[in-house]
Amino acid sequence: MNHRFAVLTACAWLAAASAVQAQDAAATDEALEGSVEQALSDSSSLKSHALRAEVAGGRVLLLGDVDNAAEKELAERIARDVPGVMSVDNEIRVDADADRPRNTGATVSRRLDDGAITATVKSKLLWNRETEGLDIHVDTRDGVVTLTGRSQTEAGKAEAERLASTTEAVRSVDNRITVGGGPSTAGRAAAAADDVQATLSDAWITSKVKSALLYERDLDGLAIAVATHEGRVALSGRVASAEQRQRAIETARGIRGVREVSAEQLQVH
């Protein structure tokens, strides 16, 4: 009898403990959901969009509409940077005609806040063939970007600074990257996985080239169309000067997986 009572007591205790754990997990997910949504709304580039986050077990589902692929990428980057987030499933839709408040004359190149600048520079570093993005830390204060970490080459260090300095709203760059040594294990694994994706997916290349063009300072990425076939990128549309045309070509060439760039249809007007 005593044994049966002990078993029943233990079962009741386990059930109660499980219920408490479930409540704690739900509370944690709810708090994380609030943190992600707050981080998204804190971004001046995204606050006009009604973006939502649903969280289960630290896994975040992003929902809502944005104007372009660059904003979708930015939202994912911001969500991933929130402490406690294990993974992000980005189901945000790109819909340039979505009904939302707009500022007259606003463009993708509207002024970014520090968090958005950091996220943008990180993305550009990760996509570029010359930079070891995962080995470089990015911090932004009042538009001043500080780069720390390491690069295997001087060219990689210089390219990291160029990518940061040409980002919209960046005032200056403090490049503290050291040169030498190999990439970290995490850096090698992530870069290898990214390279496989870039090599196999023309859609991935098109998305990253388009986003990189949109992120460039004083370059109207919305006026440039991007198409990719077997790693060969074709740019078309209009730019304001020969210098901008060359910058668009160089930006596309720098993206991982790009084999060559054609710009015969990219006109200067």
C-alpha atoms as a PDB file:
ATOM      1  CA  MET A   1       0.000   0.000   0.000  1.00  0.00           C
ATOM      2  CA  ASN A   2       2.794   2.336   0.957  1.00  0.00           C
ATOM      3  CA  HIS A   3       4.621   1.379  -2.217  1.00  0.00           C
ATOM      4  CA  ARG A   4       1.552   2.184  -4.326  1.00  0.00           C
ATOM      5  CA  PHE A   5       1.159   5.523  -2.561  1.00  0.00           C
ATOM      6  CA  ALA A   6       4.811   6.330  -3.219  1.00  0.00           C
ATOM      7  CA  VAL A   7       4.419   5.514  -6.907  1.00  0.00           C
ATOM      8  CA  LEU A   8       1.301   7.658  -7.190  1.00  0.00           C
ATOM      9  CA  THR A   9       3.038  10.496  -5.376  1.00  0.00           C
ATOM     10  CA  ALA A  10       6.041  10.261  -7.702  1.00  0.00           C
ATOM     11  CA  CYS A  11       3.787  10.269 -10.759  1.00  0.00           C
ATOM     12  CA  ALA A  12       1.916  13.291  -9.467  1.00  0.00           C
ATOM     13  CA  TRP A  13       5.201  15.090  -8.784  1.00  0.00           C
ATOM     14  CA  LEU A  14       6.496  14.296 -12.282  1.00  0.00           C
ATOM     15  CA  ALA A  15       3.256  15.499 -13.841  1.00  0.00           C
ATOM     16  CA  ALA A  16       3.435  18.725 -11.871  1.00  0.00           C
ATOM     17  CA  ALA A  17       7.090  19.209 -12.795  1.00  0.00           C
ATOM     18  CA  SER A  18       6.306  18.604 -16.463  1.00  0.00           C
ATOM     19  CA  ALA A  19       3.496  21.133 -16.317  1.00  0.00           C
ATOM     20  CA  VAL A  20       5.807  23.708 -14.737  1.00  0.00           C
ATOM     21  CA  GLN A  21       8.472  23.033 -17.375  1.00  0.00           C
ATOM     22  CA  ALA A  22       5.898  23.425 -20.127  1.00  0.00           C
ATOM     23  CA  GLN A  23       4.733  26.704 -18.611  1.00  0.00           C
ATOM     24  CA  ASP A  24       8.335  27.910 -18.313  1.00  0.00           C
ATOM     25  CA  ALA A  25       9.044  26.974 -21.938  1.00  0.00           C
ATOM     26  CA  ALA A  26       5.914  28.769 -23.103  1.00  0.00           C
ATOM     27  CA  ALA A  27       6.881  31.843 -21.089  1.00  0.00           C
ATOM     28  CA  THR A  28      10.394  31.757 -22.561  1.00  0.00           C
ATOM     29  CA  ASP A  29       9.043  31.497 -26.102  1.00  0.00           C
ATOM     30  CA  GLU A  30       6.612  34.326 -25.426  1.00  0.00           C
ATOM     31  CA  ALA A  31       9.421  36.534 -24.119  1.00  0.00           C
ATOM     32  CA  LEU A  32      11.615  35.655 -27.093  1.00  0.00           C
ATOM     33  CA  GLU A  33       8.754  36.430 -29.457  1.00  0.00           C
ATOM     34  CA  GLY A  34       8.465  39.869 -27.893  1.00  0.00           C
ATOM     35  CA  SER A  35      12.221  40.433 -28.138  1.00  0.00           C
ATOM     36  CA  VAL A  36      12.312  39.546 -31.841  1.00  0.00           C
ATOM     37  CA  GLU A  37       9.324  41.727 -32.685  1.00  0.00           C
ATOM     38  CA  GLN A  38      10.830  44.599 -30.686  1.00  0.00           C
ATOM     39  CA  ALA A  39      14.146  44.250 -32.536  1.00  0.00           C
ATOM     40  CA  LEU A  40      12.323  44.330 -35.879  1.00  0.00           C
ATOM     41  CA  SER A  41      10.280  47.376 -34.902  1.00  0.00           C
ATOM     42  CA  ASP A  42      13.419  49.156 -33.646  1.00  0.00           C
ATOM     43  CA  SER A  43      14.852  49.054 -37.166  1.00  0.00           C
ATOM     44  CA  SER A  44      14.031  52.251 -39.039  1.00  0.00           C
ATOM     45  CA  SER A  45      14.128  50.223 -42.249  1.00  0.00           C
ATOM     46  CA  LEU A  46      11.463  47.758 -41.100  1.00  0.00           C
ATOM     47  CA  LYS A  47       9.282  49.564 -38.566  1.00  0.00           C
ATOM     48  CA  SER A  48       6.721  50.585 -41.201  1.00  0.00           C
ATOM     49  CA  HIS A  49       6.081  46.888 -41.948  1.00  0.00           C
ATOM     50  CA  ALA A  50       3.713  44.831 -39.799  1.00  0.00           C
ATOM     51  CA  LEU A  51       6.154  41.963 -39.259  1.00  0.00           C
ATOM     52  CA  ARG A  52       5.288  39.197 -36.788  1.00  0.00           C
ATOM     53  CA  ALA A  53       7.254  36.481 -35.041  1.00  0.00           C
ATOM     54  CA  GLU A  54       6.000  33.138 -33.768  1.00  0.00           C
ATOM     55  CA  VAL A  55       8.331  31.148 -31.509  1.00  0.00           C
ATOM     56  CA  ALA A  56       8.328  27.490 -30.479  1.00  0.00           C
ATOM     57  CA  GLY A  57      11.279  26.004 -28.629  1.00  0.00           C
ATOM     58  CA  GLY A  58      13.544  28.881 -29.615  1.00  0.00           C
ATOM     59  CA  ARG A  59      12.726  28.438 -33.296  1.00  0.00           C
ATOM     60  CA  VAL A  60      11.417  31.636 -34.868  1.00  0.00           C
ATOM     61  CA  LEU A  61       8.911  31.886 -37.714  1.00  0.00           C
ATOM     62  CA  LEU A  62       8.874  35.318 -39.390  1.00  0.00           C
ATOM     63  CA  LEU A  63       5.657  36.475 -41.078  1.00  0.00           C
ATOM     64  CA  GLY A  64       4.495  39.594 -42.877  1.00  0.00           C
ATOM     65  CA  ASP A  65       5.210  41.594 -46.031  1.00  0.00           C
ATOM     66  CA  VAL A  66       8.146  43.750 -47.118  1.00  0.00           C
ATOM     67  CA  ASP A  67       8.943  45.704 -50.273  1.00  0.00           C
ATOM     68  CA  ASN A  68      12.007  43.807 -51.478  1.00  0.00           C
ATOM     69  CA  ALA A  69      14.452  40.950 -50.928  1.00  0.00           C
ATOM     70  CA  ALA A  70      16.921  43.207 -49.117  1.00  0.00           C
ATOM     71  CA  GLU A  71      14.384  43.986 -46.390  1.00  0.00           C
ATOM     72  CA  LYS A  72      13.467  40.303 -46.066  1.00  0.00           C
ATOM     73  CA  GLU A  73      17.139  39.424 -45.647  1.00  0.00           C
ATOM     74  CA  LEU A  74      17.592  42.220 -43.118  1.00  0.00           C
ATOM     75  CA  ALA A  75      14.652  40.985 -41.012  1.00  0.00           C
ATOM     76  CA  GLU A  76      16.145  37.489 -40.859  1.00  0.00           C
ATOM     77  CA  ARG A  77      19.561  38.825 -39.894  1.00  0.00           C
ATOM     78  CA  ILE A  78      18.079  40.936 -37.091  1.00  0.00           C
ATOM     79  CA  ALA A  79      16.054  37.971 -35.776  1.00  0.00           C
ATOM     80  CA  ARG A  80      19.108  35.682 -35.783  1.00  0.00           C
ATOM     81  CA  ASP A  81      21.046  38.215 -33.715  1.00  0.00           C
ATOM     82  CA  VAL A  82      18.477  38.175 -30.873  1.00  0.00           C
ATOM     83  CA  PRO A  83      19.878  36.208 -27.878  1.00  0.00           C
ATOM     84  CA  GLY A  84      18.126  32.872 -27.408  1.00  0.00           C
ATOM     85  CA  VAL A  85      17.105  32.371 -31.034  1.00  0.00           C
ATOM     86  CA  MET A  86      18.090  28.887 -32.218  1.00  0.00           C
ATOM     87  CA  SER A  87      16.917  29.089 -35.822  1.00  0.00           C
ATOM     88  CA  VAL A  88      14.848  31.289 -38.133  1.00  0.00           C
ATOM     89  CA  ASP A  89      12.271  30.212 -40.719  1.00  0.00           C
ATOM     90  CA  ASN A  90      11.784  33.277 -42.903  1.00  0.00           C
ATOM     91  CA  GLU A  91       8.284  33.189 -44.410  1.00  0.00           C
ATOM     92  CA  ILE A  92       8.131  36.951 -44.998  1.00  0.00           C
ATOM     93  CA  ARG A  93       6.633  37.741 -48.409  1.00  0.00           C
ATOM     94  CA  VAL A  94       8.151  40.234 -50.818  1.00  0.00           C
ATOM     95  CA  ASP A  95       5.300  42.435 -52.020  1.00  0.00           C
ATOM     96  CA  ALA A  96       6.158  45.904 -53.333  1.00  0.00           C
ATOM     97  CA  ASP A  97       2.438  46.741 -53.548  1.00  0.00           C
ATOM     98  CA  ALA A  98       1.584  45.862 -49.944  1.00  0.00           C
ATOM     99  CA  ASP A  99      -0.674  48.406 -48.240  1.00  0.00           C
ATOM    100  CA  ARG A 100       1.336  50.170 -45.518  1.00  0.00           C
ATOM    101  CA  PRO A 101       2.278  53.697 -44.449  1.00  0.00           C
ATOM    102  CA  ARG A 102       4.950  55.221 -46.671  1.00  0.00           C
ATOM    103  CA  ASN A 103       7.029  58.369 -46.635  1.00  0.00           C
ATOM    104  CA  THR A 104       6.808  60.360 -49.854  1.00  0.00           C
ATOM    105  CA  GLY A 105       9.869  59.693 -51.982  1.00  0.00           C
ATOM    106  CA  ALA A 106      11.145  56.935 -49.716  1.00  0.00           C
ATOM    107  CA  THR A 107      13.488  54.356 -51.289  1.00  0.00           C
ATOM    108  CA  VAL A 108      15.327  51.236 -50.222  1.00  0.00           C
ATOM    109  CA  SER A 109      18.324  53.467 -49.536  1.00  0.00           C
ATOM    110  CA  ARG A 110      16.541  55.395 -46.758  1.00  0.00           C
ATOM    111  CA  ARG A 111      18.683  56.052 -43.728  1.00  0.00           C
ATOM    112  CA  LEU A 112      19.409  52.978 -41.629  1.00  0.00           C
ATOM    113  CA  ASP A 113      19.746  52.766 -37.862  1.00  0.00           C
ATOM    114  CA  ASP A 114      22.845  51.290 -36.197  1.00  0.00           C
ATOM    115  CA  GLY A 115      21.300  47.824 -35.824  1.00  0.00           C
ATOM    116  CA  ALA A 116      20.304  47.727 -39.470  1.00  0.00           C
ATOM    117  CA  ILE A 117      23.758  48.939 -40.546  1.00  0.00           C
ATOM    118  CA  THR A 118      25.395  46.143 -38.559  1.00  0.00           C
ATOM    119  CA  ALA A 119      23.062  43.528 -40.040  1.00  0.00           C
ATOM    120  CA  THR A 120      23.612  44.862 -43.561  1.00  0.00           C
ATOM    121  CA  VAL A 121      27.408  44.883 -43.302  1.00  0.00           C
ATOM    122  CA  LYS A 122      27.384  41.343 -41.860  1.00  0.00           C
ATOM    123  CA  SER A 123      25.317  40.136 -44.796  1.00  0.00           C
ATOM    124  CA  LYS A 124      27.615  41.802 -47.338  1.00  0.00           C
ATOM    125  CA  LEU A 125      30.656  40.212 -45.702  1.00  0.00           C
ATOM    126  CA  LEU A 126      29.061  36.765 -45.736  1.00  0.00           C
ATOM    127  CA  TRP A 127      28.112  36.962 -49.414  1.00  0.00           C
ATOM    128  CA  ASN A 128      31.430  38.281 -50.730  1.00  0.00           C
ATOM    129  CA  ARG A 129      34.041  35.868 -52.065  1.00  0.00           C
ATOM    130  CA  GLU A 130      36.957  37.901 -50.669  1.00  0.00           C
ATOM    131  CA  THR A 131      35.842  38.200 -47.060  1.00  0.00           C
ATOM    132  CA  GLU A 132      35.685  35.721 -44.218  1.00  0.00           C
ATOM    133  CA  GLY A 133      32.383  37.013 -42.930  1.00  0.00           C
ATOM    134  CA  LEU A 134      31.975  34.648 -39.985  1.00  0.00           C
ATOM    135  CA  ASP A 135      35.416  35.564 -38.624  1.00  0.00           C
ATOM    136  CA  ILE A 136      34.709  39.309 -38.631  1.00  0.00           C
ATOM    137  CA  HIS A 137      32.757  41.070 -35.893  1.00  0.00           C
ATOM    138  CA  VAL A 138      30.781  44.181 -36.809  1.00  0.00           C
ATOM    139  CA  ASP A 139      29.740  46.885 -34.361  1.00  0.00           C
ATOM    140  CA  THR A 140      28.068  50.217 -35.180  1.00  0.00           C
ATOM    141  CA  ARG A 141      27.781  53.347 -33.042  1.00  0.00           C
ATOM    142  CA  ASP A 142      26.188  56.478 -34.505  1.00  0.00           C
ATOM    143  CA  GLY A 143      26.964  55.333 -38.033  1.00  0.00           C
ATOM    144  CA  VAL A 144      30.623  54.519 -37.289  1.00  0.00           C
ATOM    145  CA  VAL A 145      31.353  50.866 -38.104  1.00  0.00           C
ATOM    146  CA  THR A 146      34.109  49.007 -36.241  1.00  0.00           C
ATOM    147  CA  LEU A 147      35.425  45.801 -37.811  1.00  0.00           C
ATOM    148  CA  THR A 148      37.371  43.326 -35.668  1.00  0.00           C
ATOM    149  CA  GLY A 149      38.497  39.761 -36.224  1.00  0.00           C
ATOM    150  CA  ARG A 150      40.854  38.333 -38.787  1.00  0.00           C
ATOM    151  CA  SER A 151      41.324  37.881 -42.501  1.00  0.00           C
ATOM    152  CA  GLN A 152      43.682  35.485 -44.246  1.00  0.00           C
ATOM    153  CA  THR A 153      44.796  38.198 -46.683  1.00  0.00           C
ATOM    154  CA  GLU A 154      45.316  41.950 -46.936  1.00  0.00           C
ATOM    155  CA  ALA A 155      42.911  41.895 -49.887  1.00  0.00           C
ATOM    156  CA  GLY A 156      40.208  40.418 -47.676  1.00  0.00           C
ATOM    157  CA  LYS A 157      40.779  43.079 -45.020  1.00  0.00           C
ATOM    158  CA  ALA A 158      40.613  45.858 -47.623  1.00  0.00           C
ATOM    159  CA  GLU A 159      37.481  44.395 -49.206  1.00  0.00           C
ATOM    160  CA  ALA A 160      35.762  44.175 -45.819  1.00  0.00           C
ATOM    161  CA  GLU A 161      36.426  47.873 -45.277  1.00  0.00           C
ATOM    162  CA  ARG A 162      35.179  48.728 -48.765  1.00  0.00           C
ATOM    163  CA  LEU A 163      31.973  46.754 -48.273  1.00  0.00           C
ATOM    164  CA  ALA A 164      31.307  48.512 -44.975  1.00  0.00           C
ATOM    165  CA  SER A 165      32.211  52.005 -46.194  1.00  0.00           C
ATOM    166  CA  THR A 166      29.928  51.791 -49.245  1.00  0.00           C
ATOM    167  CA  THR A 167      26.917  50.762 -47.135  1.00  0.00           C
ATOM    168  CA  GLU A 168      24.085  53.276 -46.861  1.00  0.00           C
ATOM    169  CA  ALA A 169      24.275  55.535 -43.753  1.00  0.00           C
ATOM    170  CA  VAL A 170      27.811  54.496 -42.756  1.00  0.00           C
ATOM    171  CA  ARG A 171      29.755  57.613 -41.719  1.00  0.00           C
ATOM    172  CA  SER A 172      33.178  56.005 -41.301  1.00  0.00           C
ATOM    173  CA  VAL A 173      34.882  52.637 -40.774  1.00  0.00           C
ATOM    174  CA  ASP A 174      37.414  51.709 -38.081  1.00  0.00           C
ATOM    175  CA  ASN A 175      39.143  48.652 -39.544  1.00  0.00           C
ATOM    176  CA  ARG A 176      40.806  46.659 -36.748  1.00  0.00           C
ATOM    177  CA  ILE A 177      40.921  43.365 -38.648  1.00  0.00           C
ATOM    178  CA  THR A 178      44.210  41.493 -38.242  1.00  0.00           C
ATOM    179  CA  VAL A 179      45.762  39.571 -41.119  1.00  0.00           C
ATOM    180  CA  GLY A 180      47.038  36.015 -40.740  1.00  0.00           C
ATOM    181  CA  GLY A 181      45.982  32.557 -39.659  1.00  0.00           C
ATOM    182  CA  GLY A 182      43.258  30.370 -41.080  1.00  0.00           C
ATOM    183  CA  PRO A 183      39.505  30.706 -40.676  1.00  0.00           C
ATOM    184  CA  SER A 184      37.805  29.233 -37.634  1.00  0.00           C
ATOM    185  CA  THR A 185      36.182  25.815 -37.796  1.00  0.00           C
ATOM    186  CA  ALA A 186      32.759  27.464 -37.718  1.00  0.00           C
ATOM    187  CA  GLY A 187      33.848  29.868 -40.428  1.00  0.00           C
ATOM    188  CA  ARG A 188      35.083  27.074 -42.693  1.00  0.00           C
ATOM    189  CA  ALA A 189      31.917  25.012 -42.200  1.00  0.00           C
ATOM    190  CA  ALA A 190      29.568  27.935 -42.829  1.00  0.00           C
ATOM    191  CA  ALA A 191      31.538  29.155 -45.826  1.00  0.00           C
ATOM    192  CA  ALA A 192      31.618  25.665 -47.329  1.00  0.00           C
ATOM    193  CA  ALA A 193      27.858  25.258 -46.889  1.00  0.00           C
ATOM    194  CA  ASP A 194      27.244  28.700 -48.358  1.00  0.00           C
ATOM    195  CA  ASP A 195      29.537  28.001 -51.313  1.00  0.00           C
ATOM    196  CA  VAL A 196      27.642  24.810 -52.145  1.00  0.00           C
ATOM    197  CA  GLN A 197      24.367  26.710 -52.074  1.00  0.00           C
ATOM    198  CA  ALA A 198      25.783  29.542 -54.163  1.00  0.00           C
ATOM    199  CA  THR A 199      27.238  27.135 -56.714  1.00  0.00           C
ATOM    200  CA  LEU A 200      24.032  25.154 -57.149  1.00  0.00           C
ATOM    201  CA  SER A 201      21.400  27.854 -56.930  1.00  0.00           C
ATOM    202  CA  ASP A 202      21.027  30.607 -59.514  1.00  0.00           C
ATOM    203  CA  ALA A 203      18.147  31.921 -57.418  1.00  0.00           C
ATOM    204  CA  TRP A 204      20.500  32.314 -54.434  1.00  0.00           C
ATOM    205  CA  ILE A 205      22.993  34.260 -56.561  1.00  0.00           C
ATOM    206  CA  THR A 206      20.283  36.501 -58.030  1.00  0.00           C
ATOM    207  CA  SER A 207      18.906  37.256 -54.566  1.00  0.00           C
ATOM    208  CA  LYS A 208      22.312  38.122 -53.114  1.00  0.00           C
ATOM    209  CA  VAL A 209      23.406  40.251 -56.084  1.00  0.00           C
ATOM    210  CA  LYS A 210      20.109  42.154 -55.981  1.00  0.00           C
ATOM    211  CA  SER A 211      20.364  42.703 -52.234  1.00  0.00           C
ATOM    212  CA  ALA A 212      24.007  43.805 -52.486  1.00  0.00           C
ATOM    213  CA  LEU A 213      23.070  46.359 -55.148  1.00  0.00           C
ATOM    214  CA  LEU A 214      20.238  47.660 -52.972  1.00  0.00           C
ATOM    215  CA  TYR A 215      22.611  48.054 -50.026  1.00  0.00           C
ATOM    216  CA  GLU A 216      25.161  50.130 -51.989  1.00  0.00           C
ATOM    217  CA  ARG A 217      25.385  53.818 -51.124  1.00  0.00           C
ATOM    218  CA  ASP A 218      24.303  56.199 -53.929  1.00  0.00           C
ATOM    219  CA  LEU A 219      23.361  53.336 -56.250  1.00  0.00           C
ATOM    220  CA  ASP A 220      19.710  52.855 -57.216  1.00  0.00           C
ATOM    221  CA  GLY A 221      19.458  49.085 -56.966  1.00  0.00           C
ATOM    222  CA  LEU A 222      15.747  49.224 -57.783  1.00  0.00           C
ATOM    223  CA  ALA A 223      16.635  50.405 -61.301  1.00  0.00           C
ATOM    224  CA  ILE A 224      18.872  47.378 -61.963  1.00  0.00           C
ATOM    225  CA  ALA A 225      17.452  43.990 -62.949  1.00  0.00           C
ATOM    226  CA  VAL A 226      19.419  40.820 -62.210  1.00  0.00           C
ATOM    227  CA  ALA A 227      19.184  37.451 -63.949  1.00  0.00           C
ATOM    228  CA  THR A 228      21.413  34.412 -63.416  1.00  0.00           C
ATOM    229  CA  HIS A 229      21.984  31.283 -65.487  1.00  0.00           C
ATOM    230  CA  GLU A 230      24.555  28.693 -64.418  1.00  0.00           C
ATOM    231  CA  GLY A 231      26.377  31.278 -62.342  1.00  0.00           C
ATOM    232  CA  ARG A 232      26.503  33.850 -65.134  1.00  0.00           C
ATOM    233  CA  VAL A 233      24.893  37.108 -64.036  1.00  0.00           C
ATOM    234  CA  ALA A 234      23.251  39.528 -66.478  1.00  0.00           C
ATOM    235  CA  LEU A 235      22.596  43.098 -65.343  1.00  0.00           C
ATOM    236  CA  SER A 236      20.109  45.337 -67.122  1.00  0.00           C
ATOM    237  CA  GLY A 237      18.404  48.643 -66.476  1.00  0.00           C
ATOM    238  CA  ARG A 238      19.736  52.152 -65.916  1.00  0.00           C
ATOM    239  CA  VAL A 239      22.370  53.900 -63.814  1.00  0.00           C
ATOM    240  CA  ALA A 240      23.288  57.568 -63.514  1.00  0.00           C
ATOM    241  CA  SER A 241      26.965  57.354 -64.498  1.00  0.00           C
ATOM    242  CA  ALA A 242      29.733  55.165 -65.880  1.00  0.00           C
ATOM    243  CA  GLU A 243      31.174  54.999 -62.360  1.00  0.00           C
ATOM    244  CA  GLN A 244      27.901  53.583 -61.008  1.00  0.00           C
ATOM    245  CA  ARG A 245      27.784  51.076 -63.858  1.00  0.00           C
ATOM    246  CA  GLN A 246      31.273  49.833 -62.998  1.00  0.00           C
ATOM    247  CA  ARG A 247      30.402  49.681 -59.298  1.00  0.00           C
ATOM    248  CA  ALA A 248      27.330  47.564 -60.075  1.00  0.00           C
ATOM    249  CA  ILE A 249      29.487  45.172 -62.108  1.00  0.00           C
ATOM    250  CA  GLU A 250      32.115  44.898 -59.359  1.00  0.00           C
ATOM    251  CA  THR A 251      29.432  44.366 -56.716  1.00  0.00           C
ATOM    252  CA  ALA A 252      27.957  41.481 -58.707  1.00  0.00           C
ATOM    253  CA  ARG A 253      31.397  39.963 -59.362  1.00  0.00           C
ATOM    254  CA  GLY A 254      32.133  39.910 -55.650  1.00  0.00           C
ATOM    255  CA  ILE A 255      29.224  37.641 -54.741  1.00  0.00           C
ATOM    256  CA  ARG A 256      30.034  33.992 -54.071  1.00  0.00           C
ATOM    257  CA  GLY A 257      29.149  31.617 -56.882  1.00  0.00           C
ATOM    258  CA  VAL A 258      29.229  34.255 -59.644  1.00  0.00           C
ATOM    259  CA  ARG A 259      31.264  32.979 -62.600  1.00  0.00           C
ATOM    260  CA  GLU A 260      30.990  36.033 -64.829  1.00  0.00           C
ATOM    261  CA  VAL A 261      29.001  39.253 -65.187  1.00  0.00           C
ATOM    262  CA  SER A 262      27.426  40.658 -68.346  1.00  0.00           C
ATOM    263  CA  ALA A 263      26.292  44.291 -68.343  1.00  0.00           C
ATOM    264  CA  GLU A 264      25.592  45.043 -72.006  1.00  0.00           C
ATOM    265  CA  GLN A 265      21.996  45.910 -71.125  1.00  0.00           C
ATOM    266  CA  LEU A 266      22.932  48.164 -68.201  1.00  0.00           C
ATOM    267  CA  GLN A 267      22.696  51.635 -69.698  1.00  0.00           C
ATOM    268  CA  VAL A 268      23.996  54.994 -68.462  1.00  0.00           C
ATOM    269  CA  HIS A 269      21.327  57.728 -68.509  1.00  0.00           C
END
